[in-house]
Amino acid sequence: MPKEAKEIITRLESRGFEAYLVGGCVRDLLMGLKAKDFDICTSALPEDVCGLFAKTLETGIKHGTVTVIENGIPFEVSTFRIDVNYTDHRHPDKVLFSRSLAEDLKRRDFTINAICYHPEKGIIDPFNGMKDIAAKLIRTVGNPEERFNEDALRMLRAVRFKASLGFELEPATKSAITRMSSTICHISRERILNELNGILSGSSPEAFEILFDTGLIGYIFPVPVPVKNTLKPLKKLPHKLPLRWAAALRLMGFTDPADVEEICGYLKMSKKLKNYILNATKILNEPLPENKYLLKKTLSDAGIALFSDSLKILNGTGYDIDKIKALKLMLNDIRSKNEYIDRSDLAVKGGDLIGKGFIPGKRLGEIIELLFLCVLQIPGLNRKDILIEIAKSVQKAFPE
């Protein structure tokens, strides 16, 4: 544990309070993983914590949480508490501060997150979280239906932990998710998307399949899933969220851009993420280019990065390997020769043609597009004088 965390615990104890490292950081340390955030639970009230440390932020004081800054590192220090009722299936109606560590741990989501560590007392594990870590099981603290009824988002958190840790859902926990799946409707779409992103970003993204098994997907997506295929191919893909989203929707049978757009909009994805997924879907729907010219035309519309990602999706989802290899060779050849694929590379601009007597408008745009297609086929034509002559010939042969 960081020396700063130990110093916070020591200072709290010097004033007569209990304090322990708790939650995900303890779980990660026990698993030999690098902990990202360090949380401390204590019998001290928020005002006690604020009075003991020079740099504090009242980040969640209503629920007893104060962020203590030590050596520039933030630590969330939370008072032992009891949560009373969850009318909205997400937040407690009332929080009662407590002096009991046992009461505080009892309200937590999963056994693997209800473990404490103290520098001198060692591990405190009343719900056998260490046993579940060893067995690679995700199990709720106490009655699973009660835990999910309190906070419906915990159902998706369980799936996210499966994706990130590679654990399995304990049978009673999974069954409770199936029975409680409709309560996910109480959770904001932004929160839902955040958990879905975590699932797809994990080392075991195929955990997304649990959403099919439990019926959660029917309350998360606005349109039915056409095909409930295995999502194991996602594991072969790079840890790139937009790419995995596009691949996941593809594997689920979403080929209609209208359906994809509806899903992206419903989940309130960012414009950037939505556009990536839509553009990838369109590329995947089209026949793959069969020659260099068609490939360059595709690249000019989609961009090298998105097309390369689309090839990774096809490669990871069982497409013809030989065709993908051939496309990769053509793509590498285009890159190595720095061939023109961007309209901005065209040696002649609209202003150049207007200066030669061409009239601004739709017709001029069509001529410039034709010049670009000529350059894609024959890169040597990309000289201003040559392109102006071609434009004049086109204008003469096909006057308005």
Protein backbone atom coordinates (compact mmCIF):
# COMPACT_ATOMS: atom_id res chain seq x y z
CA MET A 1 0.00 0.00 0.00
CA PRO A 2 1.23 3.56 -0.62
CA LYS A 3 3.00 5.17 2.32
CA GLU A 4 0.58 8.10 2.03
CA ALA A 5 -2.38 5.77 2.67
CA LYS A 6 -0.61 4.36 5.71
CA GLU A 7 0.05 7.90 6.97
CA ILE A 8 -3.65 8.81 6.61
CA ILE A 9 -4.66 5.70 8.58
CA THR A 10 -2.05 6.42 11.27
CA ARG A 11 -3.18 10.02 11.68
CA LEU A 12 -6.83 9.05 11.98
CA GLU A 13 -5.96 6.40 14.56
CA SER A 14 -3.87 8.87 16.55
CA ARG A 15 -7.13 10.77 17.17
CA GLY A 16 -8.97 7.67 18.32
CA PHE A 17 -10.67 6.73 15.03
CA GLU A 18 -10.64 3.42 13.19
CA ALA A 19 -9.40 3.43 9.59
CA TYR A 20 -8.81 0.78 6.94
CA LEU A 21 -7.94 0.46 3.28
CA VAL A 22 -11.05 -0.94 1.61
CA GLY A 23 -12.69 -2.02 -1.64
CA GLY A 24 -11.30 -2.46 -5.11
CA CYS A 25 -7.77 -1.42 -4.21
CA VAL A 26 -7.52 -4.23 -1.64
CA ARG A 27 -8.96 -6.69 -4.16
CA ASP A 28 -6.43 -5.63 -6.80
CA LEU A 29 -3.48 -5.79 -4.40
CA LEU A 30 -4.51 -9.29 -3.31
CA MET A 31 -4.65 -10.32 -6.98
CA GLY A 32 -1.22 -8.86 -7.68
CA LEU A 33 -2.69 -6.12 -9.85
CA LYS A 34 -1.80 -2.45 -9.82
CA ALA A 35 -4.47 -0.58 -7.87
CA LYS A 36 -5.66 2.65 -9.51
CA ASP A 37 -7.57 4.36 -6.70
CA PHE A 38 -7.16 3.95 -2.97
CA ASP A 39 -10.20 4.19 -0.70
CA ILE A 40 -10.14 4.40 3.07
CA CYS A 41 -13.09 3.80 5.38
CA THR A 42 -13.13 5.26 8.87
CA SER A 43 -15.20 5.84 11.98
CA ALA A 44 -14.30 9.54 11.74
CA LEU A 45 -17.02 11.91 10.59
CA PRO A 46 -16.42 14.05 7.48
CA GLU A 47 -15.81 17.17 9.59
CA ASP A 48 -13.22 15.24 11.62
CA VAL A 49 -11.41 14.25 8.43
CA CYS A 50 -11.47 17.82 7.09
CA GLY A 51 -10.05 19.07 10.37
CA LEU A 52 -7.20 16.57 10.40
CA PHE A 53 -5.77 17.10 6.92
CA ALA A 54 -4.50 20.25 5.22
CA LYS A 55 -5.74 19.49 1.71
CA THR A 56 -9.25 18.09 1.39
CA LEU A 57 -12.09 18.22 -1.14
CA GLU A 58 -15.71 17.72 -0.13
CA THR A 59 -16.36 15.43 -3.10
CA GLY A 60 -19.22 13.42 -1.60
CA ILE A 61 -19.72 14.82 1.85
CA LYS A 62 -23.47 14.12 1.76
CA HIS A 63 -22.62 10.42 1.74
CA GLY A 64 -19.66 10.83 4.07
CA THR A 65 -16.83 10.99 1.53
CA VAL A 66 -13.96 13.47 1.67
CA THR A 67 -11.01 13.40 -0.74
CA VAL A 68 -7.72 13.82 1.09
CA ILE A 69 -4.74 14.96 -0.98
CA GLU A 70 -1.38 13.68 0.26
CA ASN A 71 1.76 14.37 -1.80
CA GLY A 72 -0.51 15.17 -4.74
CA ILE A 73 -2.25 11.79 -4.54
CA PRO A 74 -6.04 11.75 -3.93
CA PHE A 75 -7.48 9.31 -1.40
CA GLU A 76 -11.22 8.95 -0.86
CA VAL A 77 -11.86 8.77 2.88
CA SER A 78 -15.42 7.71 3.74
CA THR A 79 -17.20 7.44 7.06
CA PHE A 80 -18.65 4.05 8.05
CA ARG A 81 -22.30 4.23 7.07
CA ILE A 82 -25.64 2.49 6.78
CA ASP A 83 -27.74 3.10 3.66
CA VAL A 84 -31.48 3.37 4.25
CA ASN A 85 -33.88 2.48 1.39
CA TYR A 86 -33.23 2.91 -2.34
CA THR A 87 -36.48 4.25 -3.79
CA ASP A 88 -34.90 5.13 -7.15
CA HIS A 89 -32.98 1.80 -7.42
CA ARG A 90 -29.70 3.73 -7.50
CA HIS A 91 -29.13 6.06 -4.51
CA PRO A 92 -29.94 5.60 -0.81
CA ASP A 93 -32.82 7.76 0.41
CA LYS A 94 -30.93 8.35 3.62
CA VAL A 95 -27.40 7.78 4.89
CA LEU A 96 -26.71 7.13 8.57
CA PHE A 97 -23.13 7.47 9.75
CA SER A 98 -21.97 4.57 11.88
CA ARG A 99 -19.14 3.54 14.17
CA SER A 100 -19.31 -0.05 12.92
CA LEU A 101 -17.00 -1.41 10.24
CA ALA A 102 -19.20 -4.51 9.98
CA GLU A 103 -22.26 -2.39 9.13
CA ASP A 104 -20.28 -0.49 6.50
CA LEU A 105 -19.02 -3.64 4.77
CA LYS A 106 -22.50 -5.19 4.83
CA ARG A 107 -23.86 -2.50 2.46
CA ARG A 108 -21.23 -3.10 -0.24
CA ASP A 109 -21.91 -4.75 -3.60
CA PHE A 110 -19.72 -7.84 -3.99
CA THR A 111 -17.69 -9.94 -1.58
CA ILE A 112 -14.49 -9.24 -3.52
CA ASN A 113 -15.02 -5.53 -2.83
CA ALA A 114 -15.90 -5.96 0.86
CA ILE A 115 -12.38 -6.70 2.08
CA CYS A 116 -10.37 -4.38 4.35
CA TYR A 117 -6.68 -4.13 5.02
CA HIS A 118 -4.93 -2.63 8.02
CA PRO A 119 -1.13 -2.22 8.23
CA GLU A 120 -1.01 -3.99 11.62
CA LYS A 121 -4.26 -5.99 11.84
CA GLY A 122 -3.92 -7.37 8.33
CA ILE A 123 -6.88 -8.55 6.23
CA ILE A 124 -10.45 -8.23 7.50
CA ASP A 125 -12.78 -10.34 5.34
CA PRO A 126 -16.17 -11.07 6.96
CA PHE A 127 -17.84 -12.15 3.70
CA ASN A 128 -15.11 -14.50 2.43
CA GLY A 129 -14.11 -12.27 -0.46
CA MET A 130 -10.63 -13.82 -0.56
CA LYS A 131 -12.19 -17.24 -1.04
CA ASP A 132 -14.20 -15.88 -3.98
CA ILE A 133 -11.08 -14.25 -5.45
CA ALA A 134 -9.33 -17.64 -5.29
CA ALA A 135 -12.36 -19.31 -6.92
CA LYS A 136 -12.68 -16.44 -9.43
CA LEU A 137 -16.30 -15.81 -8.49
CA ILE A 138 -18.39 -12.65 -8.42
CA ARG A 139 -20.88 -12.97 -5.56
CA THR A 140 -23.01 -10.30 -3.92
CA VAL A 141 -22.70 -9.45 -0.25
CA GLY A 142 -25.78 -11.08 1.26
CA ASN A 143 -29.03 -11.52 -0.68
CA PRO A 144 -28.39 -10.76 -4.38
CA GLU A 145 -31.92 -9.53 -5.06
CA GLU A 146 -31.64 -7.05 -2.20
CA ARG A 147 -28.29 -5.77 -3.49
CA PHE A 148 -29.62 -5.33 -7.06
CA ASN A 149 -32.89 -3.82 -5.85
CA GLU A 150 -30.87 -1.23 -3.93
CA ASP A 151 -28.78 -0.31 -6.96
CA ALA A 152 -29.73 -1.79 -10.33
CA LEU A 153 -26.44 -0.63 -11.86
CA ARG A 154 -24.73 -3.34 -9.81
CA MET A 155 -26.03 -5.89 -12.32
CA LEU A 156 -23.92 -4.31 -15.06
CA ARG A 157 -21.03 -3.83 -12.64
CA ALA A 158 -21.06 -7.59 -12.06
CA VAL A 159 -20.72 -8.17 -15.80
CA ARG A 160 -17.98 -5.53 -16.01
CA PHE A 161 -16.00 -7.30 -13.29
CA LYS A 162 -16.38 -10.54 -15.23
CA ALA A 163 -14.99 -8.76 -18.30
CA SER A 164 -12.10 -7.06 -16.51
CA LEU A 165 -11.10 -9.84 -14.09
CA GLY A 166 -12.09 -12.91 -16.09
CA PHE A 167 -14.21 -14.19 -13.18
CA GLU A 168 -17.53 -16.06 -13.38
CA LEU A 169 -20.84 -14.98 -11.89
CA GLU A 170 -21.82 -17.10 -8.90
CA PRO A 171 -25.04 -18.96 -9.92
CA ALA A 172 -27.38 -17.29 -7.39
CA THR A 173 -26.01 -13.88 -8.38
CA LYS A 174 -26.58 -14.56 -12.08
CA SER A 175 -30.09 -15.90 -11.44
CA ALA A 176 -30.95 -12.77 -9.48
CA ILE A 177 -29.81 -10.59 -12.40
CA THR A 178 -32.17 -12.53 -14.68
CA ARG A 179 -35.08 -11.96 -12.29
CA MET A 180 -34.22 -8.30 -11.67
CA SER A 181 -33.17 -7.37 -15.22
CA SER A 182 -36.12 -5.04 -15.84
CA THR A 183 -34.99 -2.73 -13.01
CA ILE A 184 -32.07 -1.56 -15.16
CA CYS A 185 -34.63 0.81 -16.71
CA HIS A 186 -34.28 2.95 -13.57
CA ILE A 187 -30.65 3.72 -14.43
CA SER A 188 -29.63 6.64 -16.63
CA ARG A 189 -28.41 5.75 -20.11
CA GLU A 190 -25.15 7.59 -19.50
CA ARG A 191 -24.40 5.29 -16.55
CA ILE A 192 -25.40 2.24 -18.57
CA LEU A 193 -23.14 3.26 -21.46
CA ASN A 194 -20.24 3.78 -19.06
CA GLU A 195 -20.57 0.19 -17.81
CA LEU A 196 -21.02 -1.21 -21.34
CA ASN A 197 -17.84 0.59 -22.36
CA GLY A 198 -16.08 -1.02 -19.41
CA ILE A 199 -17.31 -4.46 -20.45
CA LEU A 200 -16.14 -4.09 -24.06
CA SER A 201 -12.81 -2.61 -22.96
CA GLY A 202 -12.06 -5.52 -20.65
CA SER A 203 -9.69 -8.42 -21.20
CA SER A 204 -12.73 -10.71 -21.54
CA PRO A 205 -15.19 -8.61 -23.60
CA GLU A 206 -17.19 -11.71 -24.47
CA ALA A 207 -18.71 -11.22 -20.99
CA PHE A 208 -21.17 -9.02 -22.93
CA GLU A 209 -22.97 -12.31 -23.71
CA ILE A 210 -24.25 -12.32 -20.11
CA LEU A 211 -26.57 -9.51 -21.20
CA PHE A 212 -28.22 -12.00 -23.59
CA ASP A 213 -28.38 -14.82 -21.02
CA THR A 214 -29.98 -12.67 -18.32
CA GLY A 215 -32.32 -10.65 -20.54
CA LEU A 216 -30.62 -7.36 -19.66
CA ILE A 217 -30.02 -6.59 -23.33
CA GLY A 218 -33.77 -6.30 -23.95
CA TYR A 219 -33.94 -3.38 -21.52
CA ILE A 220 -30.70 -1.75 -22.70
CA PHE A 221 -31.01 -1.73 -26.51
CA PRO A 222 -33.99 0.01 -28.16
CA VAL A 223 -34.19 -2.63 -30.91
CA PRO A 224 -34.11 -6.45 -30.68
CA VAL A 225 -30.78 -8.20 -31.20
CA PRO A 226 -31.02 -10.03 -34.57
CA VAL A 227 -28.51 -12.78 -33.78
CA LYS A 228 -27.19 -13.78 -30.36
CA ASN A 229 -23.86 -15.06 -31.65
CA THR A 230 -20.85 -15.78 -29.52
CA LEU A 231 -18.82 -12.64 -28.91
CA LYS A 232 -15.57 -14.51 -28.26
CA PRO A 233 -13.95 -13.04 -31.42
CA LEU A 234 -13.91 -9.66 -29.63
CA LYS A 235 -11.10 -10.98 -27.45
CA LYS A 236 -8.80 -11.16 -30.50
CA LEU A 237 -9.29 -7.49 -31.30
CA PRO A 238 -7.15 -4.62 -30.00
CA HIS A 239 -8.28 -2.87 -26.80
CA LYS A 240 -9.81 -0.03 -28.79
CA LEU A 241 -13.33 0.81 -27.63
CA PRO A 242 -14.82 2.15 -30.92
CA LEU A 243 -13.47 -0.84 -32.84
CA ARG A 244 -14.90 -3.30 -30.30
CA TRP A 245 -18.28 -1.56 -30.34
CA ALA A 246 -18.44 -1.79 -34.15
CA ALA A 247 -17.39 -5.45 -34.04
CA ALA A 248 -19.84 -6.34 -31.25
CA LEU A 249 -22.79 -4.84 -33.10
CA ARG A 250 -21.67 -6.62 -36.26
CA LEU A 251 -21.51 -9.97 -34.46
CA MET A 252 -25.00 -9.34 -33.07
CA GLY A 253 -26.28 -8.99 -36.63
CA PHE A 254 -26.77 -5.23 -36.71
CA THR A 255 -26.04 -4.46 -40.37
CA ASP A 256 -28.73 -1.83 -40.94
CA PRO A 257 -27.15 1.62 -40.32
CA ALA A 258 -30.57 2.88 -39.14
CA ASP A 259 -30.61 0.32 -36.30
CA VAL A 260 -26.99 1.08 -35.41
CA GLU A 261 -27.71 4.81 -35.35
CA GLU A 262 -30.76 4.24 -33.13
CA ILE A 263 -28.70 2.22 -30.64
CA CYS A 264 -25.90 4.81 -30.55
CA GLY A 265 -28.37 7.64 -30.07
CA TYR A 266 -30.40 5.80 -27.43
CA LEU A 267 -27.29 5.09 -25.36
CA LYS A 268 -26.23 8.73 -25.74
CA MET A 269 -22.84 7.92 -27.24
CA SER A 270 -20.56 10.81 -28.10
CA LYS A 271 -20.76 12.11 -31.65
CA LYS A 272 -17.21 10.87 -32.28
CA LEU A 273 -17.95 7.31 -31.12
CA LYS A 274 -21.28 7.18 -32.97
CA ASN A 275 -19.73 8.39 -36.25
CA TYR A 276 -16.92 5.85 -35.99
CA ILE A 277 -19.36 2.96 -35.46
CA LEU A 278 -21.66 4.13 -38.27
CA ASN A 279 -18.80 4.60 -40.74
CA ALA A 280 -17.32 1.21 -39.85
CA THR A 281 -20.76 -0.39 -40.32
CA LYS A 282 -21.05 1.14 -43.79
CA ILE A 283 -17.59 -0.12 -44.80
CA LEU A 284 -18.39 -3.61 -43.51
CA ASN A 285 -21.66 -3.62 -45.46
CA GLU A 286 -19.95 -2.85 -48.78
CA PRO A 287 -18.13 -5.41 -50.94
CA LEU A 288 -14.41 -5.18 -50.26
CA PRO A 289 -12.43 -3.37 -52.98
CA GLU A 290 -10.98 -5.82 -55.48
CA ASN A 291 -8.25 -3.66 -56.99
CA LYS A 292 -5.94 -0.83 -56.07
CA TYR A 293 -8.08 1.89 -57.63
CA LEU A 294 -11.21 0.82 -55.73
CA LEU A 295 -9.18 0.51 -52.54
CA LYS A 296 -7.83 4.04 -52.92
CA LYS A 297 -11.36 5.29 -53.58
CA THR A 298 -12.55 3.59 -50.38
CA LEU A 299 -9.62 5.04 -48.44
CA SER A 300 -10.37 8.51 -49.77
CA ASP A 301 -13.87 8.28 -48.29
CA ALA A 302 -13.19 6.34 -45.09
CA GLY A 303 -9.58 7.11 -44.24
CA ILE A 304 -6.75 4.64 -43.70
CA ALA A 305 -7.27 4.30 -39.93
CA LEU A 306 -10.96 3.37 -40.12
CA PHE A 307 -10.47 1.02 -43.07
CA SER A 308 -7.56 -0.70 -41.28
CA ASP A 309 -9.76 -1.13 -38.21
CA SER A 310 -12.52 -2.57 -40.40
CA LEU A 311 -10.06 -5.16 -41.72
CA LYS A 312 -9.21 -6.06 -38.11
CA ILE A 313 -12.92 -6.55 -37.41
CA LEU A 314 -13.30 -8.80 -40.47
CA ASN A 315 -10.15 -10.70 -39.57
CA GLY A 316 -11.39 -11.23 -36.03
CA THR A 317 -14.87 -12.32 -37.05
CA GLY A 318 -14.04 -15.08 -39.51
CA TYR A 319 -13.84 -13.34 -42.89
CA ASP A 320 -11.80 -14.85 -45.76
CA ILE A 321 -8.20 -14.57 -44.55
CA ASP A 322 -6.68 -14.65 -48.05
CA LYS A 323 -8.78 -11.67 -49.19
CA ILE A 324 -7.78 -9.72 -46.09
CA LYS A 325 -4.10 -10.52 -46.68
CA ALA A 326 -4.37 -9.32 -50.29
CA LEU A 327 -5.97 -6.05 -49.16
CA LYS A 328 -3.30 -5.54 -46.51
CA LEU A 329 -0.59 -5.97 -49.15
CA MET A 330 -2.27 -3.39 -51.41
CA LEU A 331 -2.72 -1.05 -48.46
CA ASN A 332 0.95 -1.36 -47.49
CA ASP A 333 1.96 -0.69 -51.10
CA ILE A 334 -0.15 2.49 -51.20
CA ARG A 335 1.39 3.64 -47.92
CA SER A 336 4.98 2.84 -48.90
CA LYS A 337 4.63 4.73 -52.20
CA ASN A 338 2.78 7.58 -50.49
CA GLU A 339 0.15 7.46 -53.21
CA TYR A 340 -2.61 10.06 -53.34
CA ILE A 341 -5.77 9.11 -51.47
CA ASP A 342 -6.87 12.47 -50.07
CA ARG A 343 -8.75 15.09 -52.04
CA SER A 344 -6.59 17.76 -50.43
CA ASP A 345 -3.61 16.23 -52.29
CA LEU A 346 -5.08 17.24 -55.66
CA ALA A 347 -2.67 19.60 -57.44
CA VAL A 348 -5.46 21.81 -58.73
CA LYS A 349 -8.00 23.66 -56.57
CA GLY A 350 -11.35 25.21 -57.32
CA GLY A 351 -9.78 28.65 -57.35
CA ASP A 352 -7.31 27.59 -60.03
CA LEU A 353 -10.14 26.51 -62.33
CA ILE A 354 -12.25 29.60 -61.60
CA GLY A 355 -9.20 31.63 -62.61
CA LYS A 356 -9.32 29.81 -65.95
CA GLY A 357 -12.93 30.77 -66.57
CA PHE A 358 -14.82 27.95 -64.90
CA ILE A 359 -18.03 29.00 -63.16
CA PRO A 360 -18.38 28.23 -59.41
CA GLY A 361 -21.14 25.77 -58.56
CA LYS A 362 -22.21 22.14 -58.60
CA ARG A 363 -20.77 21.51 -62.07
CA LEU A 364 -17.31 22.67 -60.98
CA GLY A 365 -17.48 20.34 -57.96
CA GLU A 366 -18.29 17.41 -60.24
CA ILE A 367 -15.31 18.22 -62.50
CA ILE A 368 -12.95 18.40 -59.51
CA GLU A 369 -14.25 15.03 -58.27
CA LEU A 370 -13.63 13.55 -61.73
CA LEU A 371 -10.07 14.92 -61.69
CA PHE A 372 -9.52 13.29 -58.30
CA LEU A 373 -10.71 9.91 -59.61
CA CYS A 374 -8.32 10.27 -62.55
CA VAL A 375 -5.42 10.85 -60.14
CA LEU A 376 -6.43 7.81 -58.08
CA GLN A 377 -6.10 5.70 -61.22
CA ILE A 378 -3.01 7.40 -62.64
CA PRO A 379 -1.02 9.26 -59.92
CA GLY A 380 1.28 10.79 -62.57
CA LEU A 381 -1.59 13.02 -63.72
CA ASN A 382 -1.46 15.01 -60.48
CA ARG A 383 0.09 18.16 -61.98
CA LYS A 384 -1.74 21.47 -62.13
CA ASP A 385 -1.17 22.04 -65.85
CA ILE A 386 -2.28 18.52 -66.79
CA LEU A 387 -5.40 18.64 -64.60
CA ILE A 388 -6.45 22.04 -65.97
CA GLU A 389 -6.23 20.66 -69.51
CA ILE A 390 -8.29 17.60 -68.52
CA ALA A 391 -10.88 19.89 -66.91
CA LYS A 392 -11.09 21.96 -70.10
CA SER A 393 -11.55 18.81 -72.17
CA VAL A 394 -14.35 17.61 -69.89
CA GLN A 395 -16.04 21.00 -70.01
CA LYS A 396 -15.81 21.03 -73.81
CA ALA A 397 -17.02 17.45 -74.26
CA PHE A 398 -19.86 17.74 -71.75
CA PRO A 399 -21.04 21.35 -71.67
CA GLU A 400 -23.87 22.22 -69.29
